[in-house]
Amino acid sequence: MIQERDTSVQNFLVNKKLLETIRVEDGELFHLEYHQLRLERSCAECGIILQDILSPPKEGLFRCRVVYDANSCDVSYHPYTKRSISQLKVIEGGEIEYSKKYLDRTLLEALFLQKGSADDVLILKHGLITDTTIANVAFLYKGRWITPKEPLLNGTTRMRLIAQKRLDEAEIALEDLSNFEAMALMNAMIDFDIIRNKKIEDMIC
């Protein structure tokens, strides 16, 4: 019976839907190689070549959603408007796990609901800063941008900037925030977005 339950759990994880979100602007697919790399790491057996299946709109800014698993792949395009983020509420995420970009965001959404009057939450895990619900984070320290060493999700923008040596990795505790000069959010849609109109201490609640 124990072996049967283990097999059931394994099958559930294999069949769980995954997601890639890709920026499309005037027909151009941004940084597709990093999305392809993450897709292959997340589901090696899928055999999906993004370049072969995507036909984006030729005009406008869109969020391309690729929902996939080992057996299926669905593509859709959605007009994109950037979400304004000016305040983040610190939330302890417990044992939350989101190392792959799953379509199911139930755990993240539950944390988001705790934001109160803030725009999003800054999630702690084991006392260390990880991500917001939609973006990786980085902090400026003595001219270098530092990002949490163990984010919830290794985002494609984060991957690219680390590969380009534009980001350093380090463990960041909540009390470290007072040492930083600026904060940035990053994901595939906003790229590397420096929060210029607020000090860190005014953003975090």
Foldseek 3Di string as FASTA:
>chain_A
DVVVVVVVVVVCQQAFKAKDKFKAAQFDTPPVVLVVVLVCVSAVLQPDDVVVPDGDHRHAIWIWMWIDGNPDIDIDIGHDDDDDFQAAEEDELEPDAQAGRTPDLPSLVVQQVPRPPGRWYFYDYPQWTADTSAWFKWFAAPRAIEGEQDHNYCASLNVVCVVVVRYHYDTHGPVCLVRTFWMWTDHNHVRTGTDDPDGPVSRYD
